[in-house]
């Protein structure tokens, strides 16, 4: 969860600046696509739809997911990690917010 929030914060911080990064310039259309994707992920997360949330990730066995000292390989492994960490009767599920 913390990693996802850090990632979202970094993406939004970059998308919200008027200054392009030193590596690439982001067009307004690209910014809109990123913001739309993040909004869809927030909506899915806040409704407990982990697969919908994961639609924003690269659906590939080559996806590498880092969480603290843990590393998982593949989209399915990342989904299963989220399910294990956040779904269940005694799991804490915080809402995400883009504002």
N, C-alpha and C. Protein backbone atom coordinates (compact mmCIF):
# COMPACT_ATOMS: atom_id res chain seq x y z
N UNK A 1 0.83 -1.19 0.00
CA UNK A 1 0.00 0.00 0.00
C UNK A 1 0.87 1.25 0.00
N UNK A 2 1.88 1.28 0.86
CA UNK A 2 2.75 2.46 0.92
C UNK A 2 3.45 2.68 -0.41
N UNK A 3 3.91 1.58 -1.04
CA UNK A 3 4.59 1.70 -2.31
C UNK A 3 3.65 2.26 -3.37
N UNK A 4 2.42 1.78 -3.38
CA UNK A 4 1.44 2.28 -4.36
C UNK A 4 1.19 3.76 -4.14
N UNK A 5 1.09 4.18 -2.90
CA UNK A 5 0.86 5.60 -2.62
C UNK A 5 2.05 6.46 -3.02
N UNK A 6 3.26 5.95 -2.78
CA UNK A 6 4.47 6.68 -3.18
C UNK A 6 4.50 6.79 -4.70
N UNK A 7 4.21 5.70 -5.39
CA UNK A 7 4.19 5.72 -6.85
C UNK A 7 3.17 6.72 -7.37
N UNK A 8 1.95 6.67 -6.83
CA UNK A 8 0.91 7.59 -7.27
C UNK A 8 1.32 9.04 -7.01
N UNK A 9 1.92 9.30 -5.86
CA UNK A 9 2.36 10.65 -5.53
C UNK A 9 3.41 11.13 -6.52
N UNK A 10 4.37 10.28 -6.84
CA UNK A 10 5.43 10.67 -7.78
C UNK A 10 4.88 10.91 -9.18
N UNK A 11 3.98 10.06 -9.63
CA UNK A 11 3.41 10.24 -10.97
C UNK A 11 2.60 11.51 -11.02
N UNK A 12 1.78 11.73 -10.00
CA UNK A 12 0.94 12.94 -9.99
C UNK A 12 1.78 14.20 -9.83
N UNK A 13 2.83 14.12 -9.04
CA UNK A 13 3.70 15.29 -8.88
C UNK A 13 4.33 15.66 -10.21
N UNK A 14 4.78 14.67 -10.95
CA UNK A 14 5.37 14.93 -12.27
C UNK A 14 4.31 15.40 -13.25
N UNK A 15 3.14 14.76 -13.23
CA UNK A 15 2.08 15.12 -14.17
C UNK A 15 1.53 16.51 -13.89
N UNK A 16 1.63 16.95 -12.65
CA UNK A 16 1.07 18.24 -12.28
C UNK A 16 2.02 19.41 -12.46
N UNK A 17 3.23 19.17 -12.88
CA UNK A 17 4.18 20.27 -13.05
C UNK A 17 4.14 20.81 -14.46
N UNK A 18 4.50 22.07 -14.61
CA UNK A 18 4.60 22.67 -15.93
C UNK A 18 5.96 22.41 -16.55
N UNK A 19 6.90 21.93 -15.75
CA UNK A 19 8.25 21.68 -16.22
C UNK A 19 8.38 20.23 -16.67
N UNK A 20 8.79 20.00 -17.91
CA UNK A 20 9.02 18.61 -18.34
C UNK A 20 10.25 18.05 -17.64
N UNK A 21 10.29 16.75 -17.50
CA UNK A 21 11.47 16.12 -16.90
C UNK A 21 12.64 16.30 -17.86
N UNK A 22 13.83 16.08 -17.35
CA UNK A 22 15.03 16.21 -18.17
C UNK A 22 15.10 15.11 -19.22
N UNK A 23 14.35 14.01 -19.02
CA UNK A 23 14.45 12.87 -19.92
C UNK A 23 13.41 12.87 -21.03
N UNK A 24 12.25 13.41 -20.77
CA UNK A 24 11.18 13.36 -21.78
C UNK A 24 10.17 14.47 -21.52
N UNK A 25 9.55 14.88 -22.59
CA UNK A 25 8.50 15.87 -22.45
C UNK A 25 7.16 15.15 -22.55
N UNK A 26 6.29 15.46 -21.63
CA UNK A 26 4.98 14.82 -21.58
C UNK A 26 3.96 15.76 -22.21
N UNK A 27 3.20 15.24 -23.14
CA UNK A 27 2.19 16.05 -23.81
C UNK A 27 0.95 16.14 -22.92
N UNK A 28 0.10 17.13 -23.17
CA UNK A 28 -1.17 17.19 -22.41
C UNK A 28 -2.01 15.93 -22.60
N UNK A 29 -1.98 15.34 -23.78
CA UNK A 29 -2.74 14.11 -24.02
C UNK A 29 -2.21 12.96 -23.17
N UNK A 30 -0.89 12.87 -23.06
CA UNK A 30 -0.29 11.82 -22.23
C UNK A 30 -0.64 12.03 -20.76
N UNK A 31 -0.60 13.28 -20.32
CA UNK A 31 -0.97 13.59 -18.94
C UNK A 31 -2.42 13.19 -18.68
N UNK A 32 -3.30 13.48 -19.62
CA UNK A 32 -4.72 13.13 -19.47
C UNK A 32 -4.90 11.61 -19.39
N UNK A 33 -4.16 10.88 -20.19
CA UNK A 33 -4.25 9.41 -20.17
C UNK A 33 -3.79 8.88 -18.82
N UNK A 34 -2.68 9.39 -18.32
CA UNK A 34 -2.16 8.95 -17.03
C UNK A 34 -3.16 9.26 -15.91
N UNK A 35 -3.67 10.49 -15.92
CA UNK A 35 -4.64 10.87 -14.88
C UNK A 35 -5.91 10.01 -14.95
N UNK A 36 -6.36 9.70 -16.16
CA UNK A 36 -7.54 8.85 -16.32
C UNK A 36 -7.27 7.45 -15.79
N UNK A 37 -6.12 6.89 -16.12
CA UNK A 37 -5.75 5.57 -15.63
C UNK A 37 -5.70 5.55 -14.11
N UNK A 38 -5.06 6.56 -13.52
CA UNK A 38 -4.97 6.62 -12.07
C UNK A 38 -6.35 6.77 -11.43
N UNK A 39 -7.22 7.57 -12.04
CA UNK A 39 -8.58 7.74 -11.52
C UNK A 39 -9.34 6.41 -11.56
N UNK A 40 -9.15 5.65 -12.65
CA UNK A 40 -9.79 4.33 -12.74
C UNK A 40 -9.25 3.39 -11.68
N UNK A 41 -7.94 3.45 -11.43
CA UNK A 41 -7.36 2.60 -10.40
C UNK A 41 -7.88 2.98 -9.02
N UNK A 42 -7.97 4.26 -8.74
CA UNK A 42 -8.49 4.72 -7.45
C UNK A 42 -9.92 4.23 -7.27
N UNK A 43 -10.74 4.38 -8.30
CA UNK A 43 -12.14 3.95 -8.23
C UNK A 43 -12.22 2.44 -7.95
N UNK A 44 -11.44 1.66 -8.67
CA UNK A 44 -11.45 0.21 -8.47
C UNK A 44 -10.98 -0.14 -7.06
N UNK A 45 -9.88 0.47 -6.62
CA UNK A 45 -9.35 0.20 -5.28
C UNK A 45 -10.38 0.52 -4.21
N UNK A 46 -11.00 1.68 -4.34
CA UNK A 46 -11.95 2.11 -3.32
C UNK A 46 -13.22 1.27 -3.29
N UNK A 47 -13.44 0.48 -4.34
CA UNK A 47 -14.57 -0.45 -4.36
C UNK A 47 -14.13 -1.90 -4.10
N UNK A 48 -12.88 -2.07 -3.69
CA UNK A 48 -12.39 -3.40 -3.36
C UNK A 48 -12.17 -4.29 -4.58
N UNK A 49 -12.06 -3.69 -5.76
CA UNK A 49 -11.88 -4.42 -7.00
C UNK A 49 -10.39 -4.48 -7.35
N UNK A 50 -9.70 -5.47 -6.79
CA UNK A 50 -8.26 -5.56 -7.01
C UNK A 50 -7.89 -5.85 -8.45
N UNK A 51 -8.67 -6.68 -9.13
CA UNK A 51 -8.36 -6.95 -10.54
C UNK A 51 -8.55 -5.69 -11.37
N UNK A 52 -9.57 -4.90 -11.09
CA UNK A 52 -9.75 -3.63 -11.78
C UNK A 52 -8.61 -2.68 -11.48
N UNK A 53 -8.16 -2.65 -10.23
CA UNK A 53 -7.01 -1.84 -9.85
C UNK A 53 -5.77 -2.29 -10.63
N UNK A 54 -5.59 -3.59 -10.72
CA UNK A 54 -4.42 -4.15 -11.40
C UNK A 54 -4.46 -3.96 -12.91
N UNK A 55 -5.60 -3.59 -13.47
CA UNK A 55 -5.68 -3.32 -14.91
C UNK A 55 -4.73 -2.18 -15.31
N UNK A 56 -4.35 -1.35 -14.35
CA UNK A 56 -3.42 -0.27 -14.63
C UNK A 56 -1.97 -0.71 -14.68
N UNK A 57 -1.71 -1.94 -14.32
CA UNK A 57 -0.36 -2.49 -14.34
C UNK A 57 -0.12 -3.24 -15.66
N UNK A 58 1.13 -3.38 -16.02
CA UNK A 58 1.54 -4.15 -17.19
C UNK A 58 1.19 -5.61 -16.93
N UNK A 59 0.29 -6.16 -17.72
CA UNK A 59 -0.16 -7.55 -17.52
C UNK A 59 0.83 -8.48 -18.21
N UNK A 60 1.91 -8.74 -17.51
CA UNK A 60 3.00 -9.53 -18.08
C UNK A 60 3.69 -10.33 -16.99
N UNK A 61 4.20 -11.51 -17.36
CA UNK A 61 5.01 -12.26 -16.40
C UNK A 61 6.34 -11.55 -16.11
N UNK A 62 6.68 -10.54 -16.91
CA UNK A 62 7.91 -9.79 -16.71
C UNK A 62 7.76 -8.62 -15.76
N UNK A 63 6.53 -8.34 -15.31
CA UNK A 63 6.32 -7.27 -14.33
C UNK A 63 7.09 -7.62 -13.05
N UNK A 64 7.82 -6.66 -12.52
CA UNK A 64 8.52 -6.85 -11.25
C UNK A 64 7.90 -5.89 -10.25
N UNK A 65 7.45 -6.42 -9.12
CA UNK A 65 6.76 -5.64 -8.10
C UNK A 65 7.62 -5.62 -6.84
N UNK A 66 7.95 -4.43 -6.38
CA UNK A 66 8.76 -4.26 -5.18
C UNK A 66 7.89 -3.73 -4.04
N UNK A 67 8.00 -4.35 -2.89
CA UNK A 67 7.30 -3.88 -1.69
C UNK A 67 8.22 -4.12 -0.50
N UNK A 68 8.85 -3.04 -0.06
CA UNK A 68 9.83 -3.19 1.01
C UNK A 68 10.95 -4.10 0.55
N UNK A 69 11.24 -5.13 1.34
CA UNK A 69 12.29 -6.08 0.98
C UNK A 69 11.77 -7.20 0.09
N UNK A 70 10.47 -7.22 -0.19
CA UNK A 70 9.87 -8.29 -0.98
C UNK A 70 9.82 -7.91 -2.46
N UNK A 71 10.14 -8.88 -3.30
CA UNK A 71 10.09 -8.71 -4.75
C UNK A 71 9.26 -9.86 -5.30
N UNK A 72 8.26 -9.53 -6.13
CA UNK A 72 7.50 -10.58 -6.79
C UNK A 72 7.60 -10.36 -8.29
N UNK A 73 7.51 -11.45 -9.02
CA UNK A 73 7.66 -11.39 -10.48
C UNK A 73 6.35 -11.79 -11.12
N UNK A 74 5.84 -10.93 -12.01
CA UNK A 74 4.65 -11.25 -12.78
C UNK A 74 3.40 -10.55 -12.26
N UNK A 75 2.50 -10.26 -13.20
CA UNK A 75 1.24 -9.59 -12.88
C UNK A 75 0.42 -10.41 -11.90
N UNK A 76 0.31 -11.71 -12.15
CA UNK A 76 -0.50 -12.58 -11.30
C UNK A 76 0.05 -12.61 -9.87
N UNK A 77 1.37 -12.65 -9.72
CA UNK A 77 1.98 -12.65 -8.40
C UNK A 77 1.69 -11.34 -7.67
N UNK A 78 1.71 -10.22 -8.40
CA UNK A 78 1.40 -8.93 -7.77
C UNK A 78 -0.06 -8.90 -7.32
N UNK A 79 -0.97 -9.41 -8.15
CA UNK A 79 -2.38 -9.48 -7.77
C UNK A 79 -2.54 -10.35 -6.51
N UNK A 80 -1.92 -11.49 -6.50
CA UNK A 80 -2.03 -12.39 -5.34
C UNK A 80 -1.45 -11.75 -4.08
N UNK A 81 -0.39 -10.97 -4.22
CA UNK A 81 0.17 -10.27 -3.07
C UNK A 81 -0.83 -9.25 -2.53
N UNK A 82 -1.45 -8.49 -3.43
CA UNK A 82 -2.48 -7.54 -3.00
C UNK A 82 -3.64 -8.27 -2.32
N UNK A 83 -4.08 -9.37 -2.91
CA UNK A 83 -5.19 -10.13 -2.32
C UNK A 83 -4.82 -10.61 -0.92
N UNK A 84 -3.64 -11.14 -0.78
CA UNK A 84 -3.19 -11.65 0.52
C UNK A 84 -3.07 -10.50 1.54
N UNK A 85 -2.56 -9.37 1.09
CA UNK A 85 -2.29 -8.26 2.00
C UNK A 85 -3.53 -7.45 2.36
N UNK A 86 -4.51 -7.36 1.45
CA UNK A 86 -5.59 -6.41 1.66
C UNK A 86 -6.99 -7.01 1.71
N UNK A 87 -7.19 -8.22 1.23
CA UNK A 87 -8.52 -8.79 1.27
C UNK A 87 -8.63 -9.80 2.40
N UNK A 88 -9.72 -9.74 3.10
CA UNK A 88 -9.97 -10.65 4.21
C UNK A 88 -10.73 -9.92 5.29
N UNK A 89 -11.30 -10.65 6.18
CA UNK A 89 -12.18 -10.06 7.18
C UNK A 89 -11.47 -9.14 8.15
N UNK A 90 -10.20 -9.36 8.42
CA UNK A 90 -9.49 -8.55 9.40
C UNK A 90 -8.44 -7.64 8.77
N UNK A 91 -8.49 -7.48 7.48
CA UNK A 91 -7.50 -6.65 6.79
C UNK A 91 -7.97 -5.20 6.76
N UNK A 92 -7.03 -4.29 6.91
CA UNK A 92 -7.33 -2.85 6.85
C UNK A 92 -7.28 -2.43 5.39
N UNK A 93 -8.30 -1.73 4.94
CA UNK A 93 -8.41 -1.32 3.56
C UNK A 93 -8.66 0.19 3.53
N UNK A 94 -7.63 0.96 3.27
CA UNK A 94 -7.77 2.41 3.23
C UNK A 94 -8.17 2.84 1.83
N UNK A 95 -8.94 3.92 1.75
CA UNK A 95 -9.32 4.46 0.45
C UNK A 95 -8.17 5.31 -0.10
N UNK A 96 -8.06 5.32 -1.42
CA UNK A 96 -7.11 6.19 -2.11
C UNK A 96 -7.85 7.45 -2.54
N UNK A 97 -7.09 8.52 -2.72
CA UNK A 97 -7.66 9.81 -3.12
C UNK A 97 -6.65 10.49 -4.02
N UNK A 98 -7.10 11.02 -5.15
CA UNK A 98 -6.19 11.71 -6.08
C UNK A 98 -6.02 13.19 -5.79
N UNK A 99 -6.78 13.74 -4.90
CA UNK A 99 -6.67 15.19 -4.70
C UNK A 99 -5.52 15.58 -3.82
